[in-house]
Amino acid sequence: MDEAYNYLAKEIVISACEDYLNAKRYIYRYNKYARKRKPTK
């Protein structure tokens, strides 16, 4: 049971890290694009 709990806990943290990285990358790319052109809706 502890092994399953540890695995699930690690997956939750990894998922949060992936979400953080993906969001940061998108915001970075958006800002880079917005400097050159007007962003779409």
ModelCIF file with pLDDT and N, C-alpha, C, O atoms, coordinates in Angstrom:
data_MODEL
#
_entry.id   MODEL 
#
_entity.id                         1 
_entity.type                       polymer 
_entity.pdbx_number_of_molecules   1 
#
_entity_poly.entity_id                      1 
_entity_poly.type                           'polypeptide(L)' 
_entity_poly.nstd_linkage                   no 
_entity_poly.nstd_monomer                   no 
_entity_poly.pdbx_seq_one_letter_code       MDEAYNYLAKEIVISACEDYLNAKRYIYRYNKYARKRKPTK 
_entity_poly.pdbx_seq_one_letter_code_can   MDEAYNYLAKEIVISACEDYLNAKRYIYRYNKYARKRKPTK 
_entity_poly.pdbx_strand_id                 A 
#
loop_
_entity_poly_seq.entity_id 
_entity_poly_seq.num 
_entity_poly_seq.mon_id 
_entity_poly_seq.hetero 
1 1  MET n 
1 2  ASP n 
1 3  GLU n 
1 4  ALA n 
1 5  TYR n 
1 6  ASN n 
1 7  TYR n 
1 8  LEU n 
1 9  ALA n 
1 10 LYS n 
1 11 GLU n 
1 12 ILE n 
1 13 VAL n 
1 14 ILE n 
1 15 SER n 
1 16 ALA n 
1 17 CYS n 
1 18 GLU n 
1 19 ASP n 
1 20 TYR n 
1 21 LEU n 
1 22 ASN n 
1 23 ALA n 
1 24 LYS n 
1 25 ARG n 
1 26 TYR n 
1 27 ILE n 
1 28 TYR n 
1 29 ARG n 
1 30 TYR n 
1 31 ASN n 
1 32 LYS n 
1 33 TYR n 
1 34 ALA n 
1 35 ARG n 
1 36 LYS n 
1 37 ARG n 
1 38 LYS n 
1 39 PRO n 
1 40 THR n 
1 41 LYS n 
#
_struct_asym.id          A 
_struct_asym.entity_id   1 
#
loop_
_ma_qa_metric.id 
_ma_qa_metric.mode 
_ma_qa_metric.name 
_ma_qa_metric.software_group_id 
_ma_qa_metric.type 
1 global pLDDT . pLDDT 
2 local  pLDDT . pLDDT 
#
_ma_qa_metric_global.metric_id      1 
_ma_qa_metric_global.metric_value   91.10 
_ma_qa_metric_global.model_id       1 
_ma_qa_metric_global.ordinal_id     1 
#
loop_
_ma_qa_metric_local.label_asym_id 
_ma_qa_metric_local.label_comp_id 
_ma_qa_metric_local.label_seq_id 
_ma_qa_metric_local.metric_id 
_ma_qa_metric_local.metric_value 
_ma_qa_metric_local.model_id 
_ma_qa_metric_local.ordinal_id 
A MET 1  2 61.00 1 1  
A ASP 2  2 81.00 1 2  
A GLU 3  2 85.00 1 3  
A ALA 4  2 86.00 1 4  
A TYR 5  2 85.00 1 5  
A ASN 6  2 86.00 1 6  
A TYR 7  2 89.00 1 7  
A LEU 8  2 91.00 1 8  
A ALA 9  2 89.00 1 9  
A LYS 10 2 90.00 1 10 
A GLU 11 2 93.00 1 11 
A ILE 12 2 93.00 1 12 
A VAL 13 2 93.00 1 13 
A ILE 14 2 93.00 1 14 
A SER 15 2 95.00 1 15 
A ALA 16 2 94.00 1 16 
A CYS 17 2 94.00 1 17 
A GLU 18 2 95.00 1 18 
A ASP 19 2 95.00 1 19 
A TYR 20 2 95.00 1 20 
A LEU 21 2 94.00 1 21 
A ASN 22 2 94.00 1 22 
A ALA 23 2 95.00 1 23 
A LYS 24 2 94.00 1 24 
A ARG 25 2 93.00 1 25 
A TYR 26 2 95.00 1 26 
A ILE 27 2 94.00 1 27 
A TYR 28 2 92.00 1 28 
A ARG 29 2 93.00 1 29 
A TYR 30 2 95.00 1 30 
A ASN 31 2 93.00 1 31 
A LYS 32 2 93.00 1 32 
A TYR 33 2 92.00 1 33 
A ALA 34 2 91.00 1 34 
A ARG 35 2 92.00 1 35 
A LYS 36 2 93.00 1 36 
A ARG 37 2 93.00 1 37 
A LYS 38 2 91.00 1 38 
A PRO 39 2 91.00 1 39 
A THR 40 2 91.00 1 40 
A LYS 41 2 93.00 1 41 
#
loop_
_atom_site.group_PDB 
_atom_site.id 
_atom_site.type_symbol 
_atom_site.label_atom_id 
_atom_site.label_alt_id 
_atom_site.label_comp_id 
_atom_site.label_asym_id 
_atom_site.label_entity_id 
_atom_site.label_seq_id 
_atom_site.pdbx_PDB_ins_code 
_atom_site.Cartn_x 
_atom_site.Cartn_y 
_atom_site.Cartn_z 
_atom_site.occupancy 
_atom_site.B_iso_or_equiv 
_atom_site.pdbx_formal_charge 
_atom_site.auth_seq_id 
_atom_site.auth_comp_id 
_atom_site.auth_asym_id 
_atom_site.auth_atom_id 
_atom_site.pdbx_PDB_model_num 
ATOM 1   N N  . MET A 1 1  ? 0.821  -1.198 0.000   1.00 61.00 ? 1  MET A N  1 
ATOM 2   C CA . MET A 1 1  ? 0.000  0.000  0.000   1.00 61.00 ? 1  MET A CA 1 
ATOM 3   C C  . MET A 1 1  ? 0.867  1.265  0.000   1.00 61.00 ? 1  MET A C  1 
ATOM 4   O O  . MET A 1 1  ? 0.585  2.224  -0.718  1.00 61.00 ? 1  MET A O  1 
ATOM 5   N N  . ASP A 1 2  ? 1.917  1.249  0.812   1.00 81.00 ? 2  ASP A N  1 
ATOM 6   C CA . ASP A 1 2  ? 2.803  2.410  0.866   1.00 81.00 ? 2  ASP A CA 1 
ATOM 7   C C  . ASP A 1 2  ? 3.500  2.636  -0.470  1.00 81.00 ? 2  ASP A C  1 
ATOM 8   O O  . ASP A 1 2  ? 3.727  3.774  -0.879  1.00 81.00 ? 2  ASP A O  1 
ATOM 9   N N  . GLU A 1 3  ? 3.834  1.541  -1.142  1.00 85.00 ? 3  GLU A N  1 
ATOM 10  C CA . GLU A 1 3  ? 4.502  1.642  -2.424  1.00 85.00 ? 3  GLU A CA 1 
ATOM 11  C C  . GLU A 1 3  ? 3.591  2.305  -3.465  1.00 85.00 ? 3  GLU A C  1 
ATOM 12  O O  . GLU A 1 3  ? 4.035  3.141  -4.252  1.00 85.00 ? 3  GLU A O  1 
ATOM 13  N N  . ALA A 1 4  ? 2.330  1.921  -3.455  1.00 86.00 ? 4  ALA A N  1 
ATOM 14  C CA . ALA A 1 4  ? 1.362  2.501  -4.385  1.00 86.00 ? 4  ALA A CA 1 
ATOM 15  C C  . ALA A 1 4  ? 1.130  3.980  -4.060  1.00 86.00 ? 4  ALA A C  1 
ATOM 16  O O  . ALA A 1 4  ? 1.025  4.809  -4.963  1.00 86.00 ? 4  ALA A O  1 
ATOM 17  N N  . TYR A 1 5  ? 1.052  4.299  -2.784  1.00 85.00 ? 5  TYR A N  1 
ATOM 18  C CA . TYR A 1 5  ? 0.864  5.693  -2.376  1.00 85.00 ? 5  TYR A CA 1 
ATOM 19  C C  . TYR A 1 5  ? 2.051  6.546  -2.810  1.00 85.00 ? 5  TYR A C  1 
ATOM 20  O O  . TYR A 1 5  ? 1.870  7.649  -3.324  1.00 85.00 ? 5  TYR A O  1 
ATOM 21  N N  . ASN A 1 6  ? 3.263  6.039  -2.605  1.00 86.00 ? 6  ASN A N  1 
ATOM 22  C CA . ASN A 1 6  ? 4.467  6.784  -2.998  1.00 86.00 ? 6  ASN A CA 1 
ATOM 23  C C  . ASN A 1 6  ? 4.512  7.012  -4.500  1.00 86.00 ? 6  ASN A C  1 
ATOM 24  O O  . ASN A 1 6  ? 4.863  8.096  -4.965  1.00 86.00 ? 6  ASN A O  1 
ATOM 25  N N  . TYR A 1 7  ? 4.150  5.971  -5.259  1.00 89.00 ? 7  TYR A N  1 
ATOM 26  C CA . TYR A 1 7  ? 4.140  6.096  -6.715  1.00 89.00 ? 7  TYR A CA 1 
ATOM 27  C C  . TYR A 1 7  ? 3.137  7.153  -7.163  1.00 89.00 ? 7  TYR A C  1 
ATOM 28  O O  . TYR A 1 7  ? 3.450  7.991  -8.008  1.00 89.00 ? 7  TYR A O  1 
ATOM 29  N N  . LEU A 1 8  ? 1.944  7.115  -6.602  1.00 91.00 ? 8  LEU A N  1 
ATOM 30  C CA . LEU A 1 8  ? 0.906  8.085  -6.957  1.00 91.00 ? 8  LEU A CA 1 
ATOM 31  C C  . LEU A 1 8  ? 1.314  9.501  -6.569  1.00 91.00 ? 8  LEU A C  1 
ATOM 32  O O  . LEU A 1 8  ? 1.082  10.448 -7.321  1.00 91.00 ? 8  LEU A O  1 
ATOM 33  N N  . ALA A 1 9  ? 1.918  9.641  -5.403  1.00 89.00 ? 9  ALA A N  1 
ATOM 34  C CA . ALA A 1 9  ? 2.370  10.963 -4.948  1.00 89.00 ? 9  ALA A CA 1 
ATOM 35  C C  . ALA A 1 9  ? 3.430  11.526 -5.890  1.00 89.00 ? 9  ALA A C  1 
ATOM 36  O O  . ALA A 1 9  ? 3.404  12.712 -6.219  1.00 89.00 ? 9  ALA A O  1 
ATOM 37  N N  . LYS A 1 10 ? 4.354  10.683 -6.321  1.00 90.00 ? 10 LYS A N  1 
ATOM 38  C CA . LYS A 1 10 ? 5.395  11.144 -7.246  1.00 90.00 ? 10 LYS A CA 1 
ATOM 39  C C  . LYS A 1 10 ? 4.791  11.534 -8.583  1.00 90.00 ? 10 LYS A C  1 
ATOM 40  O O  . LYS A 1 10 ? 5.208  12.524 -9.184  1.00 90.00 ? 10 LYS A O  1 
ATOM 41  N N  . GLU A 1 11 ? 3.821  10.774 -9.053  1.00 93.00 ? 11 GLU A N  1 
ATOM 42  C CA . GLU A 1 11 ? 3.164  11.097 -10.322 1.00 93.00 ? 11 GLU A CA 1 
ATOM 43  C C  . GLU A 1 11 ? 2.432  12.436 -10.245 1.00 93.00 ? 11 GLU A C  1 
ATOM 44  O O  . GLU A 1 11 ? 2.429  13.198 -11.212 1.00 93.00 ? 11 GLU A O  1 
ATOM 45  N N  . ILE A 1 12 ? 1.824  12.719 -9.119  1.00 93.00 ? 12 ILE A N  1 
ATOM 46  C CA . ILE A 1 12 ? 1.117  13.994 -8.939  1.00 93.00 ? 12 ILE A CA 1 
ATOM 47  C C  . ILE A 1 12 ? 2.104  15.155 -8.997  1.00 93.00 ? 12 ILE A C  1 
ATOM 48  O O  . ILE A 1 12 ? 1.835  16.163 -9.650  1.00 93.00 ? 12 ILE A O  1 
ATOM 49  N N  . VAL A 1 13 ? 3.237  15.023 -8.326  1.00 93.00 ? 13 VAL A N  1 
ATOM 50  C CA . VAL A 1 13 ? 4.255  16.078 -8.321  1.00 93.00 ? 13 VAL A CA 1 
ATOM 51  C C  . VAL A 1 13 ? 4.849  16.246 -9.718  1.00 93.00 ? 13 VAL A C  1 
ATOM 52  O O  . VAL A 1 13 ? 5.056  17.371 -10.172 1.00 93.00 ? 13 VAL A O  1 
ATOM 53  N N  . ILE A 1 14 ? 5.123  15.137 -10.398 1.00 93.00 ? 14 ILE A N  1 
ATOM 54  C CA . ILE A 1 14 ? 5.666  15.207 -11.753 1.00 93.00 ? 14 ILE A CA 1 
ATOM 55  C C  . ILE A 1 14 ? 4.678  15.877 -12.692 1.00 93.00 ? 14 ILE A C  1 
ATOM 56  O O  . ILE A 1 14 ? 5.072  16.672 -13.544 1.00 93.00 ? 14 ILE A O  1 
ATOM 57  N N  . SER A 1 15 ? 3.402  15.563 -12.543 1.00 95.00 ? 15 SER A N  1 
ATOM 58  C CA . SER A 1 15 ? 2.373  16.182 -13.377 1.00 95.00 ? 15 SER A CA 1 
ATOM 59  C C  . SER A 1 15 ? 2.314  17.697 -13.145 1.00 95.00 ? 15 SER A C  1 
ATOM 60  O O  . SER A 1 15 ? 2.177  18.468 -14.094 1.00 95.00 ? 15 SER A O  1 
ATOM 61  N N  . ALA A 1 16 ? 2.417  18.112 -11.888 1.00 94.00 ? 16 ALA A N  1 
ATOM 62  C CA . ALA A 1 16 ? 2.418  19.545 -11.575 1.00 94.00 ? 16 ALA A CA 1 
ATOM 63  C C  . ALA A 1 16 ? 3.643  20.225 -12.183 1.00 94.00 ? 16 ALA A C  1 
ATOM 64  O O  . ALA A 1 16 ? 3.543  21.345 -12.684 1.00 94.00 ? 16 ALA A O  1 
ATOM 65  N N  . CYS A 1 17 ? 4.788  19.564 -12.143 1.00 94.00 ? 17 CYS A N  1 
ATOM 66  C CA . CYS A 1 17 ? 6.009  20.125 -12.732 1.00 94.00 ? 17 CYS A CA 1 
ATOM 67  C C  . CYS A 1 17 ? 5.871  20.249 -14.244 1.00 94.00 ? 17 CYS A C  1 
ATOM 68  O O  . CYS A 1 17 ? 6.282  21.253 -14.826 1.00 94.00 ? 17 CYS A O  1 
ATOM 69  N N  . GLU A 1 18 ? 5.295  19.238 -14.881 1.00 95.00 ? 18 GLU A N  1 
ATOM 70  C CA . GLU A 1 18 ? 5.083  19.295 -16.329 1.00 95.00 ? 18 GLU A CA 1 
ATOM 71  C C  . GLU A 1 18 ? 4.131  20.426 -16.700 1.00 95.00 ? 18 GLU A C  1 
ATOM 72  O O  . GLU A 1 18 ? 4.373  21.151 -17.665 1.00 95.00 ? 18 GLU A O  1 
ATOM 73  N N  . ASP A 1 19 ? 3.051  20.579 -15.939 1.00 95.00 ? 19 ASP A N  1 
ATOM 74  C CA . ASP A 1 19 ? 2.113  21.671 -16.197 1.00 95.00 ? 19 ASP A CA 1 
ATOM 75  C C  . ASP A 1 19 ? 2.799  23.022 -16.062 1.00 95.00 ? 19 ASP A C  1 
ATOM 76  O O  . ASP A 1 19 ? 2.580  23.921 -16.873 1.00 95.00 ? 19 ASP A O  1 
ATOM 77  N N  . TYR A 1 20 ? 3.630  23.161 -15.037 1.00 95.00 ? 20 TYR A N  1 
ATOM 78  C CA . TYR A 1 20 ? 4.355  24.408 -14.806 1.00 95.00 ? 20 TYR A CA 1 
ATOM 79  C C  . TYR A 1 20 ? 5.286  24.716 -15.978 1.00 95.00 ? 20 TYR A C  1 
ATOM 80  O O  . TYR A 1 20 ? 5.310  25.838 -16.483 1.00 95.00 ? 20 TYR A O  1 
ATOM 81  N N  . LEU A 1 21 ? 6.054  23.709 -16.407 1.00 94.00 ? 21 LEU A N  1 
ATOM 82  C CA . LEU A 1 21 ? 6.987  23.917 -17.516 1.00 94.00 ? 21 LEU A CA 1 
ATOM 83  C C  . LEU A 1 21 ? 6.263  24.245 -18.819 1.00 94.00 ? 21 LEU A C  1 
ATOM 84  O O  . LEU A 1 21 ? 6.675  25.148 -19.547 1.00 94.00 ? 21 LEU A O  1 
ATOM 85  N N  . ASN A 1 22 ? 5.196  23.522 -19.113 1.00 94.00 ? 22 ASN A N  1 
ATOM 86  C CA . ASN A 1 22 ? 4.448  23.771 -20.345 1.00 94.00 ? 22 ASN A CA 1 
ATOM 87  C C  . ASN A 1 22 ? 3.854  25.178 -20.359 1.00 94.00 ? 22 ASN A C  1 
ATOM 88  O O  . ASN A 1 22 ? 3.905  25.870 -21.375 1.00 94.00 ? 22 ASN A O  1 
ATOM 89  N N  . ALA A 1 23 ? 3.294  25.591 -19.232 1.00 95.00 ? 23 ALA A N  1 
ATOM 90  C CA . ALA A 1 23 ? 2.699  26.926 -19.154 1.00 95.00 ? 23 ALA A CA 1 
ATOM 91  C C  . ALA A 1 23 ? 3.766  28.012 -19.305 1.00 95.00 ? 23 ALA A C  1 
ATOM 92  O O  . ALA A 1 23 ? 3.563  28.992 -20.022 1.00 95.00 ? 23 ALA A O  1 
ATOM 93  N N  . LYS A 1 24 ? 4.900  27.835 -18.627 1.00 94.00 ? 24 LYS A N  1 
ATOM 94  C CA . LYS A 1 24 ? 5.971  28.823 -18.725 1.00 94.00 ? 24 LYS A CA 1 
ATOM 95  C C  . LYS A 1 24 ? 6.493  28.929 -20.154 1.00 94.00 ? 24 LYS A C  1 
ATOM 96  O O  . LYS A 1 24 ? 6.746  30.027 -20.650 1.00 94.00 ? 24 LYS A O  1 
ATOM 97  N N  . ARG A 1 25 ? 6.653  27.783 -20.812 1.00 93.00 ? 25 ARG A N  1 
ATOM 98  C CA . ARG A 1 25 ? 7.139  27.791 -22.191 1.00 93.00 ? 25 ARG A CA 1 
ATOM 99  C C  . ARG A 1 25 ? 6.155  28.483 -23.114 1.00 93.00 ? 25 ARG A C  1 
ATOM 100 O O  . ARG A 1 25 ? 6.557  29.255 -23.985 1.00 93.00 ? 25 ARG A O  1 
ATOM 101 N N  . TYR A 1 26 ? 4.857  28.214 -22.932 1.00 95.00 ? 26 TYR A N  1 
ATOM 102 C CA . TYR A 1 26 ? 3.868  28.850 -23.796 1.00 95.00 ? 26 TYR A CA 1 
ATOM 103 C C  . TYR A 1 26 ? 3.884  30.359 -23.580 1.00 95.00 ? 26 TYR A C  1 
ATOM 104 O O  . TYR A 1 26 ? 3.852  31.117 -24.549 1.00 95.00 ? 26 TYR A O  1 
ATOM 105 N N  . ILE A 1 27 ? 3.931  30.799 -22.348 1.00 94.00 ? 27 ILE A N  1 
ATOM 106 C CA . ILE A 1 27 ? 3.936  32.233 -22.056 1.00 94.00 ? 27 ILE A CA 1 
ATOM 107 C C  . ILE A 1 27 ? 5.190  32.885 -22.652 1.00 94.00 ? 27 ILE A C  1 
ATOM 108 O O  . ILE A 1 27 ? 5.123  33.994 -23.183 1.00 94.00 ? 27 ILE A O  1 
ATOM 109 N N  . TYR A 1 28 ? 6.313  32.204 -22.563 1.00 92.00 ? 28 TYR A N  1 
ATOM 110 C CA . TYR A 1 28 ? 7.548  32.716 -23.155 1.00 92.00 ? 28 TYR A CA 1 
ATOM 111 C C  . TYR A 1 28 ? 7.402  32.860 -24.670 1.00 92.00 ? 28 TYR A C  1 
ATOM 112 O O  . TYR A 1 28 ? 7.758  33.895 -25.234 1.00 92.00 ? 28 TYR A O  1 
ATOM 113 N N  . ARG A 1 29 ? 6.880  31.824 -25.328 1.00 93.00 ? 29 ARG A N  1 
ATOM 114 C CA . ARG A 1 29 ? 6.697  31.876 -26.785 1.00 93.00 ? 29 ARG A CA 1 
ATOM 115 C C  . ARG A 1 29 ? 5.678  32.942 -27.168 1.00 93.00 ? 29 ARG A C  1 
ATOM 116 O O  . ARG A 1 29 ? 5.853  33.638 -28.168 1.00 93.00 ? 29 ARG A O  1 
ATOM 117 N N  . TYR A 1 30 ? 4.618  33.074 -26.382 1.00 95.00 ? 30 TYR A N  1 
ATOM 118 C CA . TYR A 1 30 ? 3.598  34.087 -26.661 1.00 95.00 ? 30 TYR A CA 1 
ATOM 119 C C  . TYR A 1 30 ? 4.218  35.479 -26.600 1.00 95.00 ? 30 TYR A C  1 
ATOM 120 O O  . TYR A 1 30 ? 3.995  36.296 -27.494 1.00 95.00 ? 30 TYR A O  1 
ATOM 121 N N  . ASN A 1 31 ? 4.986  35.753 -25.566 1.00 93.00 ? 31 ASN A N  1 
ATOM 122 C CA . ASN A 1 31 ? 5.608  37.070 -25.418 1.00 93.00 ? 31 ASN A CA 1 
ATOM 123 C C  . ASN A 1 31 ? 6.590  37.344 -26.550 1.00 93.00 ? 31 ASN A C  1 
ATOM 124 O O  . ASN A 1 31 ? 6.681  38.467 -27.045 1.00 93.00 ? 31 ASN A O  1 
ATOM 125 N N  . LYS A 1 32 ? 7.317  36.319 -26.955 1.00 93.00 ? 32 LYS A N  1 
ATOM 126 C CA . LYS A 1 32 ? 8.251  36.471 -28.063 1.00 93.00 ? 32 LYS A CA 1 
ATOM 127 C C  . LYS A 1 32 ? 7.502  36.793 -29.359 1.00 93.00 ? 32 LYS A C  1 
ATOM 128 O O  . LYS A 1 32 ? 7.934  37.648 -30.132 1.00 93.00 ? 32 LYS A O  1 
ATOM 129 N N  . TYR A 1 33 ? 6.381  36.107 -29.593 1.00 92.00 ? 33 TYR A N  1 
ATOM 130 C CA . TYR A 1 33 ? 5.561  36.338 -30.782 1.00 92.00 ? 33 TYR A CA 1 
ATOM 131 C C  . TYR A 1 33 ? 4.903  37.721 -30.726 1.00 92.00 ? 33 TYR A C  1 
ATOM 132 O O  . TYR A 1 33 ? 4.828  38.421 -31.737 1.00 92.00 ? 33 TYR A O  1 
ATOM 133 N N  . ALA A 1 34 ? 4.430  38.105 -29.544 1.00 91.00 ? 34 ALA A N  1 
ATOM 134 C CA . ALA A 1 34 ? 3.694  39.364 -29.386 1.00 91.00 ? 34 ALA A CA 1 
ATOM 135 C C  . ALA A 1 34 ? 4.585  40.580 -29.636 1.00 91.00 ? 34 ALA A C  1 
ATOM 136 O O  . ALA A 1 34 ? 4.083  41.651 -29.977 1.00 91.00 ? 34 ALA A O  1 
ATOM 137 N N  . ARG A 1 35 ? 5.891  40.428 -29.470 1.00 92.00 ? 35 ARG A N  1 
ATOM 138 C CA . ARG A 1 35 ? 6.794  41.545 -29.764 1.00 92.00 ? 35 ARG A CA 1 
ATOM 139 C C  . ARG A 1 35 ? 6.836  41.859 -31.252 1.00 92.00 ? 35 ARG A C  1 
ATOM 140 O O  . ARG A 1 35 ? 7.079  43.002 -31.638 1.00 92.00 ? 35 ARG A O  1 
ATOM 141 N N  . LYS A 1 36 ? 6.600  40.848 -32.093 1.00 93.00 ? 36 LYS A N  1 
ATOM 142 C CA . LYS A 1 36 ? 6.706  41.035 -33.541 1.00 93.00 ? 36 LYS A CA 1 
ATOM 143 C C  . LYS A 1 36 ? 5.361  41.291 -34.211 1.00 93.00 ? 36 LYS A C  1 
ATOM 144 O O  . LYS A 1 36 ? 5.257  42.116 -35.119 1.00 93.00 ? 36 LYS A O  1 
ATOM 145 N N  . ARG A 1 37 ? 4.324  40.569 -33.752 1.00 93.00 ? 37 ARG A N  1 
ATOM 146 C CA . ARG A 1 37 ? 3.010  40.678 -34.394 1.00 93.00 ? 37 ARG A CA 1 
ATOM 147 C C  . ARG A 1 37 ? 1.917  40.776 -33.356 1.00 93.00 ? 37 ARG A C  1 
ATOM 148 O O  . ARG A 1 37 ? 2.127  40.535 -32.167 1.00 93.00 ? 37 ARG A O  1 
ATOM 149 N N  . LYS A 1 38 ? 0.733  41.141 -33.846 1.00 91.00 ? 38 LYS A N  1 
ATOM 150 C CA . LYS A 1 38 ? -0.422 41.195 -32.945 1.00 91.00 ? 38 LYS A CA 1 
ATOM 151 C C  . LYS A 1 38 ? -0.971 39.779 -32.759 1.00 91.00 ? 38 LYS A C  1 
ATOM 152 O O  . LYS A 1 38 ? -1.290 39.109 -33.741 1.00 91.00 ? 38 LYS A O  1 
ATOM 153 N N  . PRO A 1 39 ? -1.084 39.317 -31.509 1.00 91.00 ? 39 PRO A N  1 
ATOM 154 C CA . PRO A 1 39 ? -1.608 37.973 -31.255 1.00 91.00 ? 39 PRO A CA 1 
ATOM 155 C C  . PRO A 1 39 ? -3.085 37.857 -31.639 1.00 91.00 ? 39 PRO A C  1 
ATOM 156 O O  . PRO A 1 39 ? -3.832 38.834 -31.592 1.00 91.00 ? 39 PRO A O  1 
ATOM 157 N N  . THR A 1 40 ? -3.486 36.652 -32.016 1.00 91.00 ? 40 THR A N  1 
ATOM 158 C CA . THR A 1 40 ? -4.881 36.405 -32.379 1.00 91.00 ? 40 THR A CA 1 
ATOM 159 C C  . THR A 1 40 ? -5.721 36.198 -31.116 1.00 91.00 ? 40 THR A C  1 
ATOM 160 O O  . THR A 1 40 ? -5.184 36.048 -30.018 1.00 91.00 ? 40 THR A O  1 
ATOM 161 N N  . LYS A 1 41 ? -7.027 36.193 -31.286 1.00 93.00 ? 41 LYS A N  1 
ATOM 162 C CA . LYS A 1 41 ? -7.936 35.968 -30.153 1.00 93.00 ? 41 LYS A CA 1 
ATOM 163 C C  . LYS A 1 41 ? -7.716 34.584 -29.547 1.00 93.00 ? 41 LYS A C  1 
ATOM 164 O O  . LYS A 1 41 ? -8.390 34.217 -28.585 1.00 93.00 ? 41 LYS A O  1 
#
